[in-house]
Amino acid sequence: MTRSLARIFRRTLLGLLIGLALTGAGVAIILAAPATAREAPSSLFTDSHFYAVLLMIAGFVVALIAVFLSHRDTARGVHADIQSIGRILRDARHNEMRDNYPMELEEFGNIFQYLRDSARKMALANRRYFERRLRKLHRQVESHGPSSLLVIDIDHFKQVNDTHGHDVGDALIAEFSRVLRAAVRQTDFLARLGGDEFCVIYPYTPLTHAYSYAERLRKQLPRELKLPKGVVHSLRWTGGISAMSNADSKFDEALWRADQALMRAKQAGRNNTQLEAVGTHPPAARSGSLT
């Protein structure tokens, strides 16, 4: 349930006014006490003084509680919303936007909406850039030679999410992206297809050479990744690889073949890379757009 800074302020102001009223009542009783004390000099600390002190203490406590609750709720709401904003930016960078993000303070509503809309547009732009790269390489097969694609799926990613939570799963995606980007060549193109699936494009590289690069990549990547909450993840990944061909009528047929190889690799027990030879084609009903 979202809260409003205005409501928090009104509640704090009400608490301060109540505290001030109680304290003022106590002070008024004390100021009125000397006339009574002159009539009864033996009673320097009367019942009225006692109640006045109680009222002043009560007023101070009420004001203190109001300020404390205001600070706690504001700090908690701002902290939670900053975390959600960071999660939006991280999901946008990883190309995986969620439908909803928790929001604590109503005042952040416009910021959340703007970031969500901008992040989704950025994710679509990244996807379009990936498609443009595939189209360009597909057109250049005859003049520059075939390019190859390696589709990677992190093994047991769902188990990490289910066991340790989505924050640790998100951290696994981010850390795997970092080590993967550091391991591929500068001439290679790395993209996240969604979820825990990535694609490495080896431009102008035949299938056999690309397979060698994929095996080299398996040796270069770390065996373990350190994640939040003290989690140490044993990194294993499954790959499917294929190459573009002059016979491909659509730019993403090589990606389809790499997906088929990836499924075979999973069926073979994961943590391995399978090839799909050039020559197989998707069903005729396939539209040609990336899924």
Protein backbone atom coordinates (compact mmCIF):
# COMPACT_ATOMS: atom_id res chain seq x y z
CA MET A 1 0.00 0.00 0.00
CA THR A 2 1.46 3.34 -1.03
CA ARG A 3 1.84 6.22 1.38
CA SER A 4 1.95 9.94 0.83
CA LEU A 5 4.55 12.32 2.21
CA ALA A 6 1.73 14.84 2.69
CA ARG A 7 -0.17 12.38 4.93
CA ILE A 8 2.99 11.62 6.87
CA PHE A 9 3.56 15.37 7.33
CA ARG A 10 -0.04 15.94 8.49
CA ARG A 11 0.22 13.10 10.97
CA THR A 12 3.52 14.47 12.28
CA LEU A 13 2.07 17.98 12.56
CA LEU A 14 -0.93 16.64 14.49
CA GLY A 15 1.38 14.80 16.88
CA LEU A 16 3.49 17.90 17.42
CA LEU A 17 0.39 20.04 18.08
CA ILE A 18 -0.91 17.54 20.61
CA GLY A 19 2.49 17.41 22.27
CA LEU A 20 2.70 21.19 22.31
CA ALA A 21 -0.81 21.45 23.79
CA LEU A 22 0.02 19.01 26.58
CA THR A 23 3.30 20.76 27.32
CA GLY A 24 1.55 24.16 27.26
CA ALA A 25 -1.07 22.92 29.70
CA GLY A 26 1.65 21.75 32.07
CA VAL A 27 3.47 25.07 31.86
CA ALA A 28 0.23 26.96 32.50
CA ILE A 29 -0.41 24.94 35.64
CA ILE A 30 3.10 25.65 36.93
CA LEU A 31 2.79 29.39 36.18
CA ALA A 32 -0.47 29.51 38.06
CA ALA A 33 1.03 27.68 41.05
CA PRO A 34 2.78 30.64 42.94
CA ALA A 35 -0.49 32.26 43.99
CA THR A 36 -1.64 28.99 45.47
CA ALA A 37 1.75 28.38 47.05
CA ARG A 38 1.55 31.73 48.89
CA GLU A 39 -1.63 30.57 50.52
CA ALA A 40 -0.09 27.21 51.44
CA PRO A 41 3.67 27.76 51.76
CA SER A 42 4.28 24.33 53.25
CA SER A 43 3.21 22.67 50.00
CA LEU A 44 5.95 23.55 47.52
CA PHE A 45 5.29 20.52 45.32
CA THR A 46 1.53 20.10 45.21
CA ASP A 47 -0.60 17.65 43.25
CA SER A 48 -1.02 20.32 40.60
CA HIS A 49 2.75 20.48 40.12
CA PHE A 50 2.86 16.70 39.78
CA TYR A 51 0.14 16.65 37.13
CA ALA A 52 1.78 19.57 35.36
CA VAL A 53 5.07 17.67 35.10
CA LEU A 54 3.22 14.60 33.85
CA LEU A 55 1.51 16.67 31.17
CA MET A 56 4.83 18.18 30.06
CA ILE A 57 6.48 14.75 29.92
CA ALA A 58 3.49 13.36 28.00
CA GLY A 59 3.65 16.25 25.56
CA PHE A 60 7.36 15.73 25.00
CA VAL A 61 6.87 11.97 24.48
CA VAL A 62 4.00 12.49 22.00
CA ALA A 63 6.07 14.99 20.00
CA LEU A 64 9.09 12.68 20.07
CA ILE A 65 7.03 9.70 18.87
CA ALA A 66 5.50 11.80 16.06
CA VAL A 67 8.95 12.88 14.84
CA PHE A 68 10.31 9.33 15.14
CA LEU A 69 7.43 7.78 13.18
CA SER A 70 7.72 10.47 10.53
CA HIS A 71 11.44 9.87 10.11
CA ARG A 72 11.01 6.10 10.09
CA ASP A 73 8.19 6.02 7.53
CA THR A 74 9.84 8.59 5.25
CA ALA A 75 13.24 6.91 5.38
CA ARG A 76 11.72 3.46 4.86
CA GLY A 77 9.61 4.63 1.93
CA VAL A 78 12.45 6.51 0.23
CA HIS A 79 14.84 3.58 0.72
CA ALA A 80 12.33 1.07 -0.71
CA ASP A 81 11.53 3.28 -3.71
CA ILE A 82 15.20 3.93 -4.46
CA GLN A 83 15.71 0.15 -4.46
CA SER A 84 12.80 -0.25 -6.88
CA ILE A 85 14.21 2.48 -9.14
CA GLY A 86 17.55 0.69 -9.11
CA ARG A 87 15.76 -2.57 -9.97
CA ILE A 88 14.02 -0.89 -12.91
CA LEU A 89 17.34 0.39 -14.26
CA ARG A 90 19.01 -2.99 -13.73
CA ASP A 91 16.17 -4.88 -15.45
CA ALA A 92 16.32 -2.43 -18.34
CA ARG A 93 20.05 -3.04 -18.69
CA HIS A 94 19.44 -6.80 -18.66
CA ASN A 95 16.55 -6.49 -21.12
CA GLU A 96 13.95 -8.00 -18.79
CA MET A 97 11.25 -5.62 -17.57
CA ARG A 98 8.62 -6.76 -15.05
CA ASP A 99 4.95 -5.81 -15.08
CA ASN A 100 4.97 -4.24 -11.63
CA TYR A 101 7.49 -2.71 -9.27
CA PRO A 102 6.64 -1.98 -5.60
CA MET A 103 6.16 1.69 -4.77
CA GLU A 104 5.94 3.04 -1.22
CA LEU A 105 5.48 6.80 -1.69
CA GLU A 106 2.90 8.35 -4.02
CA GLU A 107 5.27 11.23 -4.78
CA PHE A 108 7.50 8.78 -6.73
CA GLY A 109 4.59 7.76 -8.99
CA ASN A 110 5.51 10.00 -11.94
CA ILE A 111 9.18 9.02 -11.68
CA PHE A 112 8.25 5.32 -11.67
CA GLN A 113 6.00 5.71 -14.69
CA TYR A 114 8.64 7.64 -16.63
CA LEU A 115 11.37 5.13 -15.82
CA ARG A 116 9.17 2.14 -16.68
CA ASP A 117 8.17 3.63 -20.04
CA SER A 118 11.73 4.70 -20.86
CA ALA A 119 13.21 1.36 -19.80
CA ARG A 120 10.75 -0.62 -21.92
CA LYS A 121 11.57 1.54 -24.94
CA MET A 122 15.29 1.01 -24.29
CA ALA A 123 14.79 -2.76 -24.05
CA LEU A 124 12.91 -2.77 -27.35
CA ALA A 125 15.68 -0.68 -28.90
CA ASN A 126 18.30 -3.19 -27.76
CA ARG A 127 16.25 -6.00 -29.27
CA ARG A 128 15.90 -4.11 -32.54
CA TYR A 129 19.66 -3.48 -32.58
CA PHE A 130 20.25 -7.23 -32.16
CA GLU A 131 17.88 -7.95 -35.05
CA ARG A 132 19.59 -5.33 -37.23
CA ARG A 133 22.93 -6.98 -36.56
CA LEU A 134 21.54 -10.37 -37.58
CA ARG A 135 20.00 -8.93 -40.75
CA LYS A 136 23.25 -7.23 -41.73
CA LEU A 137 25.34 -10.37 -41.19
CA HIS A 138 22.75 -12.42 -43.08
CA ARG A 139 23.06 -10.11 -46.08
CA GLN A 140 26.87 -10.35 -45.92
CA VAL A 141 27.12 -14.15 -45.93
CA GLU A 142 27.93 -14.31 -49.63
CA SER A 143 30.45 -11.45 -49.61
CA HIS A 144 32.09 -11.89 -46.18
CA GLY A 145 31.43 -15.52 -45.30
CA PRO A 146 29.09 -17.06 -42.71
CA SER A 147 28.68 -15.79 -39.18
CA SER A 148 27.91 -18.10 -36.26
CA LEU A 149 25.67 -17.80 -33.22
CA LEU A 150 26.10 -19.33 -29.77
CA VAL A 151 22.97 -19.40 -27.60
CA ILE A 152 23.74 -19.83 -23.88
CA ASP A 153 21.42 -20.84 -21.07
CA ILE A 154 22.54 -20.70 -17.41
CA ASP A 155 22.02 -24.11 -15.82
CA HIS A 156 19.62 -24.32 -12.84
CA PHE A 157 18.85 -20.60 -12.85
CA LYS A 158 15.27 -21.22 -11.70
CA GLN A 159 16.59 -23.17 -8.72
CA VAL A 160 18.67 -20.16 -7.66
CA ASN A 161 15.58 -17.93 -7.84
CA ASP A 162 13.42 -20.39 -5.91
CA THR A 163 16.03 -21.08 -3.22
CA HIS A 164 17.63 -17.69 -2.64
CA GLY A 165 15.11 -15.21 -4.06
CA HIS A 166 14.90 -13.01 -7.13
CA ASP A 167 17.49 -10.54 -5.85
CA VAL A 168 20.14 -13.26 -5.88
CA GLY A 169 18.85 -14.45 -9.27
CA ASP A 170 19.16 -10.91 -10.63
CA ALA A 171 22.68 -10.71 -9.23
CA LEU A 172 23.53 -14.00 -10.98
CA ILE A 173 22.35 -12.58 -14.31
CA ALA A 174 24.36 -9.39 -13.78
CA GLU A 175 27.52 -11.22 -12.71
CA PHE A 176 27.28 -13.74 -15.55
CA SER A 177 26.83 -10.86 -18.00
CA ARG A 178 29.95 -9.21 -16.62
CA VAL A 179 32.22 -12.27 -16.83
CA LEU A 180 30.79 -13.24 -20.22
CA ARG A 181 31.42 -9.79 -21.66
CA ALA A 182 34.97 -9.86 -20.30
CA ALA A 183 35.64 -13.27 -21.89
CA VAL A 184 34.33 -12.79 -25.44
CA ARG A 185 36.44 -11.13 -28.09
CA GLN A 186 36.05 -7.44 -28.85
CA THR A 187 34.86 -8.33 -32.35
CA ASP A 188 32.06 -10.55 -30.99
CA PHE A 189 28.57 -9.25 -30.29
CA LEU A 190 26.89 -10.19 -27.01
CA ALA A 191 23.14 -9.88 -26.39
CA ARG A 192 20.71 -11.04 -23.76
CA LEU A 193 17.71 -12.72 -25.35
CA GLY A 194 15.67 -12.69 -22.14
CA GLY A 195 15.60 -14.46 -18.81
CA ASP A 196 18.84 -16.40 -18.38
CA GLU A 197 19.43 -16.84 -22.12
CA PHE A 198 22.24 -15.04 -23.93
CA CYS A 199 23.58 -15.02 -27.47
CA VAL A 200 27.12 -14.51 -28.72
CA ILE A 201 27.44 -13.62 -32.40
CA TYR A 202 30.78 -14.52 -33.99
CA PRO A 203 30.91 -12.32 -37.11
CA TYR A 204 32.32 -13.86 -40.28
CA THR A 205 33.26 -17.03 -38.40
CA PRO A 206 32.48 -20.53 -39.74
CA LEU A 207 30.82 -23.09 -37.52
CA THR A 208 33.92 -25.14 -36.67
CA HIS A 209 35.89 -22.07 -35.58
CA ALA A 210 32.94 -20.77 -33.58
CA TYR A 211 32.68 -24.10 -31.78
CA SER A 212 36.34 -23.80 -30.79
CA TYR A 213 35.69 -20.31 -29.45
CA ALA A 214 32.71 -21.63 -27.47
CA GLU A 215 34.83 -24.36 -25.88
CA ARG A 216 37.53 -21.82 -25.09
CA LEU A 217 34.84 -19.65 -23.51
CA ARG A 218 33.79 -22.55 -21.29
CA LYS A 219 37.35 -22.82 -19.98
CA GLN A 220 37.78 -19.07 -19.50
CA LEU A 221 34.63 -18.44 -17.48
CA PRO A 222 35.01 -18.84 -13.69
CA ARG A 223 33.81 -22.02 -12.01
CA GLU A 224 32.10 -20.07 -9.23
CA LEU A 225 30.33 -16.73 -8.89
CA LYS A 226 30.01 -14.89 -5.58
CA LEU A 227 26.50 -13.54 -5.10
CA PRO A 228 24.69 -11.57 -2.35
CA LYS A 229 23.64 -13.21 0.95
CA GLY A 230 26.89 -15.19 0.97
CA VAL A 231 25.75 -17.40 -1.93
CA VAL A 232 28.53 -18.99 -3.99
CA HIS A 233 27.08 -20.30 -7.25
CA SER A 234 28.79 -23.11 -9.17
CA LEU A 235 28.62 -21.77 -12.70
CA ARG A 236 27.47 -24.21 -15.36
CA TRP A 237 25.94 -23.33 -18.71
CA THR A 238 24.51 -25.08 -21.74
CA GLY A 239 25.08 -23.92 -25.30
CA GLY A 240 23.71 -24.40 -28.78
CA ILE A 241 25.60 -23.17 -31.82
CA SER A 242 24.93 -22.84 -35.53
CA ALA A 243 25.98 -20.72 -38.51
CA MET A 244 24.29 -18.63 -41.16
CA SER A 245 23.98 -19.93 -44.69
CA ASN A 246 23.23 -18.67 -48.20
CA ALA A 247 20.34 -21.12 -48.16
CA ASP A 248 18.64 -19.29 -45.28
CA SER A 249 15.62 -17.42 -46.57
CA LYS A 250 15.19 -15.47 -43.33
CA PHE A 251 17.77 -13.67 -41.23
CA ASP A 252 17.03 -15.53 -37.98
CA GLU A 253 17.08 -19.13 -39.22
CA ALA A 254 20.56 -19.62 -37.76
CA LEU A 255 19.20 -18.49 -34.40
CA TRP A 256 16.42 -21.07 -34.71
CA ARG A 257 19.01 -23.78 -35.42
CA ALA A 258 21.09 -22.68 -32.42
CA ASP A 259 17.95 -22.97 -30.27
CA GLN A 260 17.44 -26.52 -31.54
CA ALA A 261 21.03 -27.37 -30.65
CA LEU A 262 20.50 -25.82 -27.21
CA MET A 263 17.50 -28.05 -26.56
CA ARG A 264 19.52 -31.14 -27.53
CA ALA A 265 22.32 -30.03 -25.21
CA LYS A 266 19.83 -29.75 -22.34
CA GLN A 267 18.48 -33.21 -23.13
CA ALA A 268 22.06 -34.52 -23.09
CA GLY A 269 22.46 -33.49 -19.45
CA ARG A 270 23.34 -29.78 -19.65
CA ASN A 271 26.78 -28.21 -19.17
CA ASN A 272 27.76 -28.95 -22.78
CA THR A 273 27.58 -27.35 -26.22
CA GLN A 274 25.83 -28.93 -29.22
CA LEU A 275 26.00 -27.96 -32.89
CA GLU A 276 23.22 -27.72 -35.43
CA ALA A 277 24.61 -28.15 -38.91
CA VAL A 278 23.67 -25.76 -41.71
CA GLY A 279 20.87 -27.14 -43.85
CA THR A 280 18.02 -27.55 -41.39
CA HIS A 281 15.29 -24.96 -41.53
CA PRO A 282 12.38 -23.98 -39.29
CA PRO A 283 8.80 -24.96 -40.17
CA ALA A 284 7.28 -23.07 -43.09
CA ALA A 285 4.75 -21.46 -40.77
CA ARG A 286 7.49 -19.59 -38.92
CA SER A 287 7.02 -15.84 -39.37
CA GLY A 288 10.70 -14.92 -39.36
CA SER A 289 10.54 -12.62 -36.32
CA LEU A 290 12.53 -13.32 -33.21
CA THR A 291 10.66 -14.94 -30.33
